[in-house]
Amino acid sequence: IQGEIPRLYPGRRHFVNEAINYIRKIWLELGFKEMTGPIVQTSFWNFDSLFVPQDHPAKDMQDTLYINGEGTLPNAKLVAAVKKAHEFGVNRSIGWQYKWDKKEAEKIIMRTHMTSISAITLASLKKEDLPAKFFAVGKVFRNETLDPTHLFEFYQTEGIVIDENVTFRDL
């Protein structure tokens, strides 16, 4: 055998993973910290904490993937604040004016968007953690009819900046 055997590189990253790594790199270069969280979570974090009414059409079985069982809610003070916001409103809001149902909030679902991770992160922050910049990139799930252009899972990314001195001009 003469010469050198050519090197083979039989594998490479999947193009979706390459795209996710590229997105992650951009956020990190902009000084953001990464948020992560569970794919399976309660309806409380996915909907209620984000002020989505419990009878919203997006919560129908046709749009959200539910899992049998019930999850646990966070601390009672936070749950009471979310319940109050839904039922009566806060800070000049009138709320949704319905009776908020704890059982509905305990339902377990596959997360439908990454904003639920932002809600969990915001709830865990302390004053000394601020100002802060966070991002998330991850898989989300919707109860979609499968066809050549739609799957029931896809990736989303989002960022959040928490600072008293930030305005839209900073975007």
C-alpha atoms as a PDB file:
ATOM      1  CA  ILE A   1       0.000   0.000   0.000  1.00  0.00           C
ATOM      2  CA  GLN A   2       1.473   3.251  -1.033  1.00  0.00           C
ATOM      3  CA  GLY A   3       0.669   6.654   0.386  1.00  0.00           C
ATOM      4  CA  GLU A   4      -1.462   7.617   3.273  1.00  0.00           C
ATOM      5  CA  ILE A   5      -4.935   6.286   3.887  1.00  0.00           C
ATOM      6  CA  PRO A   6      -7.442   9.133   3.452  1.00  0.00           C
ATOM      7  CA  ARG A   7      -9.148  10.313   6.620  1.00  0.00           C
ATOM      8  CA  LEU A   8     -12.855   9.702   6.826  1.00  0.00           C
ATOM      9  CA  TYR A   9     -15.246  11.956   8.722  1.00  0.00           C
ATOM     10  CA  PRO A  10     -18.407   9.875   8.555  1.00  0.00           C
ATOM     11  CA  GLY A  11     -20.489  11.873  10.982  1.00  0.00           C
ATOM     12  CA  ARG A  12     -21.404  15.432  11.701  1.00  0.00           C
ATOM     13  CA  ARG A  13     -23.875  17.325  13.810  1.00  0.00           C
ATOM     14  CA  HIS A  14     -27.464  17.362  12.675  1.00  0.00           C
ATOM     15  CA  PHE A  15     -28.353  20.675  11.041  1.00  0.00           C
ATOM     16  CA  VAL A  16     -30.960  21.398  13.739  1.00  0.00           C
ATOM     17  CA  ASN A  17     -28.359  20.913  16.469  1.00  0.00           C
ATOM     18  CA  GLU A  18     -25.958  23.142  14.520  1.00  0.00           C
ATOM     19  CA  ALA A  19     -28.626  25.854  14.353  1.00  0.00           C
ATOM     20  CA  ILE A  20     -29.383  25.567  18.094  1.00  0.00           C
ATOM     21  CA  ASN A  21     -25.678  25.801  18.951  1.00  0.00           C
ATOM     22  CA  TYR A  22     -25.358  28.857  16.690  1.00  0.00           C
ATOM     23  CA  ILE A  23     -28.352  30.531  18.374  1.00  0.00           C
ATOM     24  CA  ARG A  24     -26.958  29.696  21.822  1.00  0.00           C
ATOM     25  CA  LYS A  25     -23.558  31.179  20.834  1.00  0.00           C
ATOM     26  CA  ILE A  26     -25.177  34.469  19.760  1.00  0.00           C
ATOM     27  CA  TRP A  27     -27.128  34.846  23.029  1.00  0.00           C
ATOM     28  CA  LEU A  28     -24.036  34.059  25.104  1.00  0.00           C
ATOM     29  CA  GLU A  29     -21.917  36.550  23.141  1.00  0.00           C
ATOM     30  CA  LEU A  30     -24.562  39.206  23.904  1.00  0.00           C
ATOM     31  CA  GLY A  31     -24.045  38.549  27.632  1.00  0.00           C
ATOM     32  CA  PHE A  32     -27.190  36.536  28.335  1.00  0.00           C
ATOM     33  CA  LYS A  33     -27.329  33.603  30.758  1.00  0.00           C
ATOM     34  CA  GLU A  34     -29.122  30.458  29.645  1.00  0.00           C
ATOM     35  CA  MET A  35     -32.416  29.423  31.250  1.00  0.00           C
ATOM     36  CA  THR A  36     -33.355  25.762  31.242  1.00  0.00           C
ATOM     37  CA  GLY A  37     -36.345  23.943  32.591  1.00  0.00           C
ATOM     38  CA  PRO A  38     -38.577  20.911  32.318  1.00  0.00           C
ATOM     39  CA  ILE A  39     -40.289  19.867  29.109  1.00  0.00           C
ATOM     40  CA  VAL A  40     -43.122  18.417  31.200  1.00  0.00           C
ATOM     41  CA  GLN A  41     -44.663  20.965  33.555  1.00  0.00           C
ATOM     42  CA  THR A  42     -47.870  22.108  35.165  1.00  0.00           C
ATOM     43  CA  SER A  43     -50.490  24.195  33.465  1.00  0.00           C
ATOM     44  CA  PHE A  44     -49.762  26.750  36.215  1.00  0.00           C
ATOM     45  CA  TRP A  45     -46.324  27.613  34.799  1.00  0.00           C
ATOM     46  CA  ASN A  46     -47.271  27.228  31.147  1.00  0.00           C
ATOM     47  CA  PHE A  47     -50.496  29.254  31.273  1.00  0.00           C
ATOM     48  CA  ASP A  48     -51.721  30.588  34.633  1.00  0.00           C
ATOM     49  CA  SER A  49     -48.517  32.362  35.698  1.00  0.00           C
ATOM     50  CA  LEU A  50     -48.535  34.130  32.309  1.00  0.00           C
ATOM     51  CA  PHE A  51     -52.105  35.379  32.854  1.00  0.00           C
ATOM     52  CA  VAL A  52     -53.645  33.075  30.224  1.00  0.00           C
ATOM     53  CA  PRO A  53     -57.244  32.432  31.312  1.00  0.00           C
ATOM     54  CA  GLN A  54     -58.058  28.869  32.237  1.00  0.00           C
ATOM     55  CA  ASP A  55     -60.756  28.676  29.556  1.00  0.00           C
ATOM     56  CA  HIS A  56     -58.482  29.959  26.757  1.00  0.00           C
ATOM     57  CA  PRO A  57     -58.845  28.022  23.456  1.00  0.00           C
ATOM     58  CA  ALA A  58     -55.090  27.265  23.383  1.00  0.00           C
ATOM     59  CA  LYS A  59     -55.618  25.002  26.401  1.00  0.00           C
ATOM     60  CA  ASP A  60     -58.000  22.724  24.525  1.00  0.00           C
ATOM     61  CA  MET A  61     -56.964  19.124  23.985  1.00  0.00           C
ATOM     62  CA  GLN A  62     -56.669  19.992  20.278  1.00  0.00           C
ATOM     63  CA  ASP A  63     -53.771  22.399  20.980  1.00  0.00           C
ATOM     64  CA  THR A  64     -52.060  21.177  24.157  1.00  0.00           C
ATOM     65  CA  LEU A  65     -50.646  17.734  24.953  1.00  0.00           C
ATOM     66  CA  TYR A  66     -51.882  16.683  28.407  1.00  0.00           C
ATOM     67  CA  ILE A  67     -50.366  13.909  30.521  1.00  0.00           C
ATOM     68  CA  ASN A  68     -52.358  11.925  33.075  1.00  0.00           C
ATOM     69  CA  GLY A  69     -51.843  12.925  36.681  1.00  0.00           C
ATOM     70  CA  GLU A  70     -51.447  16.162  38.567  1.00  0.00           C
ATOM     71  CA  GLY A  71     -48.400  18.217  39.388  1.00  0.00           C
ATOM     72  CA  THR A  72     -47.473  20.275  42.408  1.00  0.00           C
ATOM     73  CA  LEU A  73     -47.804  24.028  42.478  1.00  0.00           C
ATOM     74  CA  PRO A  74     -45.079  26.405  43.690  1.00  0.00           C
ATOM     75  CA  ASN A  75     -45.195  28.267  47.011  1.00  0.00           C
ATOM     76  CA  ALA A  76     -48.602  29.326  48.308  1.00  0.00           C
ATOM     77  CA  LYS A  77     -47.798  33.053  48.157  1.00  0.00           C
ATOM     78  CA  LEU A  78     -47.119  32.939  44.411  1.00  0.00           C
ATOM     79  CA  VAL A  79     -50.173  30.771  43.744  1.00  0.00           C
ATOM     80  CA  ALA A  80     -52.364  33.211  45.726  1.00  0.00           C
ATOM     81  CA  ALA A  81     -51.000  36.164  43.719  1.00  0.00           C
ATOM     82  CA  VAL A  82     -51.715  34.422  40.402  1.00  0.00           C
ATOM     83  CA  LYS A  83     -55.197  33.426  41.598  1.00  0.00           C
ATOM     84  CA  LYS A  84     -55.910  37.042  42.635  1.00  0.00           C
ATOM     85  CA  ALA A  85     -54.697  38.366  39.267  1.00  0.00           C
ATOM     86  CA  HIS A  86     -57.016  35.977  37.419  1.00  0.00           C
ATOM     87  CA  GLU A  87     -60.063  36.550  39.604  1.00  0.00           C
ATOM     88  CA  PHE A  88     -59.850  40.247  40.515  1.00  0.00           C
ATOM     89  CA  GLY A  89     -56.838  41.765  38.760  1.00  0.00           C
ATOM     90  CA  VAL A  90     -53.952  43.825  40.142  1.00  0.00           C
ATOM     91  CA  ASN A  91     -52.596  47.331  39.502  1.00  0.00           C
ATOM     92  CA  ARG A  92     -55.718  48.753  37.774  1.00  0.00           C
ATOM     93  CA  SER A  93     -56.438  45.485  35.924  1.00  0.00           C
ATOM     94  CA  ILE A  94     -59.840  43.895  36.478  1.00  0.00           C
ATOM     95  CA  GLY A  95     -58.526  40.365  35.909  1.00  0.00           C
ATOM     96  CA  TRP A  96     -60.497  37.733  34.034  1.00  0.00           C
ATOM     97  CA  GLN A  97     -63.313  37.817  36.626  1.00  0.00           C
ATOM     98  CA  TYR A  98     -63.857  34.088  36.967  1.00  0.00           C
ATOM     99  CA  LYS A  99     -63.233  31.558  39.726  1.00  0.00           C
ATOM    100  CA  TRP A 100     -59.665  30.309  39.294  1.00  0.00           C
ATOM    101  CA  ASP A 101     -59.435  26.497  39.611  1.00  0.00           C
ATOM    102  CA  LYS A 102     -56.422  24.981  41.412  1.00  0.00           C
ATOM    103  CA  LYS A 103     -57.105  21.559  39.818  1.00  0.00           C
ATOM    104  CA  GLU A 104     -56.844  23.112  36.351  1.00  0.00           C
ATOM    105  CA  ALA A 105     -53.489  24.673  37.292  1.00  0.00           C
ATOM    106  CA  GLU A 106     -52.175  21.296  38.535  1.00  0.00           C
ATOM    107  CA  LYS A 107     -52.703  19.550  35.189  1.00  0.00           C
ATOM    108  CA  ILE A 108     -49.509  18.188  33.663  1.00  0.00           C
ATOM    109  CA  ILE A 109     -48.677  19.123  30.094  1.00  0.00           C
ATOM    110  CA  MET A 110     -45.872  19.158  27.567  1.00  0.00           C
ATOM    111  CA  ARG A 111     -44.722  22.798  27.490  1.00  0.00           C
ATOM    112  CA  THR A 112     -46.243  24.724  24.584  1.00  0.00           C
ATOM    113  CA  HIS A 113     -43.761  27.632  24.572  1.00  0.00           C
ATOM    114  CA  MET A 114     -40.477  28.695  26.158  1.00  0.00           C
ATOM    115  CA  THR A 115     -42.028  31.628  28.027  1.00  0.00           C
ATOM    116  CA  SER A 116     -42.951  29.200  30.791  1.00  0.00           C
ATOM    117  CA  ILE A 117     -39.216  28.871  31.496  1.00  0.00           C
ATOM    118  CA  SER A 118     -39.017  32.672  31.762  1.00  0.00           C
ATOM    119  CA  ALA A 119     -41.848  32.631  34.303  1.00  0.00           C
ATOM    120  CA  ILE A 120     -40.077  30.010  36.416  1.00  0.00           C
ATOM    121  CA  THR A 121     -36.823  31.985  36.228  1.00  0.00           C
ATOM    122  CA  LEU A 122     -38.491  35.294  37.133  1.00  0.00           C
ATOM    123  CA  ALA A 123     -40.212  33.688  40.119  1.00  0.00           C
ATOM    124  CA  SER A 124     -36.862  32.471  41.453  1.00  0.00           C
ATOM    125  CA  LEU A 125     -34.968  35.773  41.141  1.00  0.00           C
ATOM    126  CA  LYS A 126     -33.976  37.853  44.133  1.00  0.00           C
ATOM    127  CA  LYS A 127     -33.333  41.602  44.178  1.00  0.00           C
ATOM    128  CA  GLU A 128     -29.564  41.022  44.364  1.00  0.00           C
ATOM    129  CA  ASP A 129     -29.724  39.001  41.098  1.00  0.00           C
ATOM    130  CA  LEU A 130     -30.732  42.120  39.155  1.00  0.00           C
ATOM    131  CA  PRO A 131     -30.157  43.492  36.602  1.00  0.00           C
ATOM    132  CA  ALA A 132     -30.027  40.325  34.517  1.00  0.00           C
ATOM    133  CA  LYS A 133     -30.343  39.043  30.953  1.00  0.00           C
ATOM    134  CA  PHE A 134     -31.548  35.527  30.194  1.00  0.00           C
ATOM    135  CA  PHE A 135     -32.317  33.436  27.123  1.00  0.00           C
ATOM    136  CA  ALA A 136     -33.807  30.037  26.450  1.00  0.00           C
ATOM    137  CA  VAL A 137     -33.769  27.773  23.441  1.00  0.00           C
ATOM    138  CA  GLY A 138     -35.637  24.519  23.621  1.00  0.00           C
ATOM    139  CA  LYS A 139     -38.180  22.096  22.345  1.00  0.00           C
ATOM    140  CA  VAL A 140     -41.897  22.848  22.665  1.00  0.00           C
ATOM    141  CA  PHE A 141     -44.917  20.739  21.819  1.00  0.00           C
ATOM    142  CA  ARG A 142     -48.300  21.402  20.237  1.00  0.00           C
ATOM    143  CA  ASN A 143     -51.061  18.966  19.407  1.00  0.00           C
ATOM    144  CA  GLU A 144     -50.808  19.517  15.643  1.00  0.00           C
ATOM    145  CA  THR A 145     -52.022  17.469  12.723  1.00  0.00           C
ATOM    146  CA  LEU A 146     -48.880  16.018  11.183  1.00  0.00           C
ATOM    147  CA  ASP A 147     -48.210  16.879   7.561  1.00  0.00           C
ATOM    148  CA  PRO A 148     -45.105  17.636   5.470  1.00  0.00           C
ATOM    149  CA  THR A 149     -44.835  21.145   7.006  1.00  0.00           C
ATOM    150  CA  HIS A 150     -46.057  20.575  10.595  1.00  0.00           C
ATOM    151  CA  LEU A 151     -44.784  18.452  13.456  1.00  0.00           C
ATOM    152  CA  PHE A 152     -45.986  18.265  17.047  1.00  0.00           C
ATOM    153  CA  GLU A 153     -42.596  19.422  18.317  1.00  0.00           C
ATOM    154  CA  PHE A 154     -40.352  22.314  17.326  1.00  0.00           C
ATOM    155  CA  TYR A 155     -37.771  24.650  18.843  1.00  0.00           C
ATOM    156  CA  GLN A 156     -38.308  28.158  20.166  1.00  0.00           C
ATOM    157  CA  THR A 157     -35.906  30.749  21.494  1.00  0.00           C
ATOM    158  CA  GLU A 158     -36.532  33.862  23.552  1.00  0.00           C
ATOM    159  CA  GLY A 159     -34.695  36.382  25.622  1.00  0.00           C
ATOM    160  CA  ILE A 160     -35.613  38.504  28.611  1.00  0.00           C
ATOM    161  CA  VAL A 161     -33.880  41.551  30.106  1.00  0.00           C
ATOM    162  CA  ILE A 162     -34.695  42.637  33.669  1.00  0.00           C
ATOM    163  CA  ASP A 163     -33.424  46.119  34.489  1.00  0.00           C
ATOM    164  CA  GLU A 164     -35.154  49.234  35.829  1.00  0.00           C
ATOM    165  CA  ASN A 165     -33.241  51.384  33.343  1.00  0.00           C
ATOM    166  CA  VAL A 166     -33.960  49.438  30.153  1.00  0.00           C
ATOM    167  CA  THR A 167     -36.370  50.826  27.534  1.00  0.00           C
ATOM    168  CA  PHE A 168     -37.499  49.873  24.033  1.00  0.00           C
ATOM    169  CA  ARG A 169     -34.702  52.093  22.723  1.00  0.00           C
ATOM    170  CA  ASP A 170     -32.239  49.561  24.164  1.00  0.00           C
ATOM    171  CA  LEU A 171     -33.509  46.906  21.786  1.00  0.00           C
END
